[in-house]
Amino acid sequence: MDGMLTSSVGRFRLLAMAEAVSWAGLLIGMLFKYALVENEIGVKVFGPIHGVVFVGYVVAALFASVQLRWERRTAFLALLASIPPFGTVVFERWAGRTGRLDGQAGAEDSAA
């Protein structure tokens, strides 16, 4: 894990996964609060965690977009992926598969 934090790509990947996990925690907390036992402890715990991780993901996505020279469309998709639950994982997998996380985006960016 230490190696993940030394590069903007590693931080981006880590925060993409963390954002999805925090989304899951928040959704489970909301389920307990609104549908099951009306206990809001899950929302009180995971709400702030998700907020911090969300901001971290956005910052990491912006840094990665600059370092990897993403086109605006790819950077926009990275930011858009932070809105729906688990969208960051979908984007991270797609970006990895298409070379956008290893600096090979070039021509592929306009083809996507």
Protein backbone atom coordinates (compact mmCIF):
# COMPACT_ATOMS: atom_id res chain seq x y z
CA MET A 1 0.00 0.00 0.00
CA ASP A 2 2.91 2.33 0.65
CA GLY A 3 3.76 2.30 -3.06
CA MET A 4 0.22 3.39 -3.91
CA LEU A 5 0.66 6.68 -2.11
CA THR A 6 3.86 7.71 -3.90
CA SER A 7 2.25 8.50 -7.26
CA SER A 8 -0.82 10.45 -8.31
CA VAL A 9 -2.10 7.36 -10.15
CA GLY A 10 -1.75 5.25 -7.01
CA ARG A 11 -3.50 7.87 -4.89
CA PHE A 12 -6.24 8.16 -7.52
CA ARG A 13 -6.80 4.39 -7.57
CA LEU A 14 -6.81 4.18 -3.78
CA LEU A 15 -9.26 7.05 -3.40
CA ALA A 16 -11.51 5.67 -6.15
CA MET A 17 -11.87 2.45 -4.16
CA ALA A 18 -12.18 4.27 -0.83
CA GLU A 19 -14.90 6.51 -2.26
CA ALA A 20 -16.89 3.44 -3.32
CA VAL A 21 -16.45 1.82 0.10
CA SER A 22 -17.53 5.01 1.86
CA TRP A 23 -20.58 5.16 -0.44
CA ALA A 24 -21.45 1.60 0.58
CA GLY A 25 -21.13 2.49 4.26
CA LEU A 26 -23.31 5.56 3.82
CA LEU A 27 -25.95 3.62 1.89
CA ILE A 28 -26.05 0.93 4.58
CA GLY A 29 -26.28 3.65 7.23
CA MET A 30 -29.18 5.23 5.35
CA LEU A 31 -30.91 1.86 5.08
CA PHE A 32 -30.72 1.45 8.84
CA LYS A 33 -31.81 5.03 9.48
CA TYR A 34 -34.75 5.23 7.12
CA ALA A 35 -35.95 1.66 6.54
CA LEU A 36 -34.98 -0.67 9.36
CA VAL A 37 -34.37 0.58 12.87
CA GLU A 38 -34.47 4.39 12.59
CA ASN A 39 -30.99 4.59 14.09
CA GLU A 40 -28.85 7.28 12.53
CA ILE A 41 -25.44 6.23 13.88
CA GLY A 42 -24.41 4.81 10.48
CA VAL A 43 -25.18 8.08 8.73
CA LYS A 44 -23.42 10.09 11.45
CA VAL A 45 -20.32 7.91 11.07
CA PHE A 46 -20.20 7.36 7.31
CA GLY A 47 -21.56 10.76 6.22
CA PRO A 48 -18.45 12.73 7.23
CA ILE A 49 -16.13 9.91 6.14
CA HIS A 50 -17.75 9.85 2.71
CA GLY A 51 -17.54 13.64 2.48
CA VAL A 52 -13.80 13.69 3.18
CA VAL A 53 -13.08 10.79 0.84
CA PHE A 54 -15.26 12.38 -1.87
CA VAL A 55 -13.24 15.60 -1.71
CA GLY A 56 -10.02 13.57 -1.71
CA TYR A 57 -11.15 11.69 -4.82
CA VAL A 58 -11.99 14.92 -6.64
CA VAL A 59 -8.58 16.39 -5.80
CA ALA A 60 -6.81 13.15 -6.81
CA ALA A 61 -8.76 13.06 -10.08
CA LEU A 62 -7.76 16.63 -10.88
CA PHE A 63 -4.09 15.93 -10.09
CA ALA A 64 -4.16 12.72 -12.17
CA SER A 65 -5.82 14.53 -15.06
CA VAL A 66 -3.01 17.12 -15.12
CA GLN A 67 -0.16 14.66 -14.67
CA LEU A 68 -1.52 12.16 -17.19
CA ARG A 69 -2.63 14.90 -19.61
CA TRP A 70 -6.20 13.70 -19.86
CA GLU A 71 -8.43 15.49 -22.30
CA ARG A 72 -11.17 17.54 -20.69
CA ARG A 73 -13.72 14.88 -21.52
CA THR A 74 -11.83 12.22 -19.56
CA ALA A 75 -11.31 14.57 -16.61
CA PHE A 76 -15.01 15.43 -16.70
CA LEU A 77 -15.93 11.73 -16.69
CA ALA A 78 -13.63 11.16 -13.71
CA LEU A 79 -15.40 13.92 -11.79
CA LEU A 80 -18.84 12.80 -12.94
CA ALA A 81 -18.05 9.28 -11.71
CA SER A 82 -17.93 10.57 -8.14
CA ILE A 83 -21.66 11.27 -8.10
CA PRO A 84 -23.37 7.87 -8.50
CA PRO A 85 -22.56 5.13 -5.99
CA PHE A 86 -19.59 3.03 -7.14
CA GLY A 87 -19.07 5.18 -10.23
CA THR A 88 -15.47 5.81 -9.23
CA VAL A 89 -14.70 2.09 -9.44
CA VAL A 90 -16.31 1.87 -12.88
CA PHE A 91 -14.28 4.85 -14.08
CA GLU A 92 -11.04 3.58 -12.53
CA ARG A 93 -11.42 0.18 -14.20
CA TRP A 94 -12.26 1.79 -17.55
CA ALA A 95 -9.37 4.25 -17.29
CA GLY A 96 -6.95 1.45 -16.43
CA ARG A 97 -8.20 -0.77 -19.24
CA THR A 98 -7.94 2.02 -21.84
CA GLY A 99 -4.45 3.18 -20.81
CA ARG A 100 -5.56 6.45 -19.25
CA LEU A 101 -3.84 5.59 -15.97
CA ASP A 102 -0.47 4.82 -17.51
CA GLY A 103 -0.09 7.85 -19.74
CA GLN A 104 -1.07 5.99 -22.91
CA ALA A 105 -4.39 7.81 -23.46
CA GLY A 106 -3.37 9.93 -26.48
CA ALA A 107 -5.44 8.89 -29.48
CA GLU A 108 -7.69 6.64 -27.44
CA ASP A 109 -9.07 9.65 -25.57
CA SER A 110 -10.77 11.04 -28.67
CA ALA A 111 -12.01 7.59 -29.72
CA ALA A 112 -13.94 6.89 -26.51
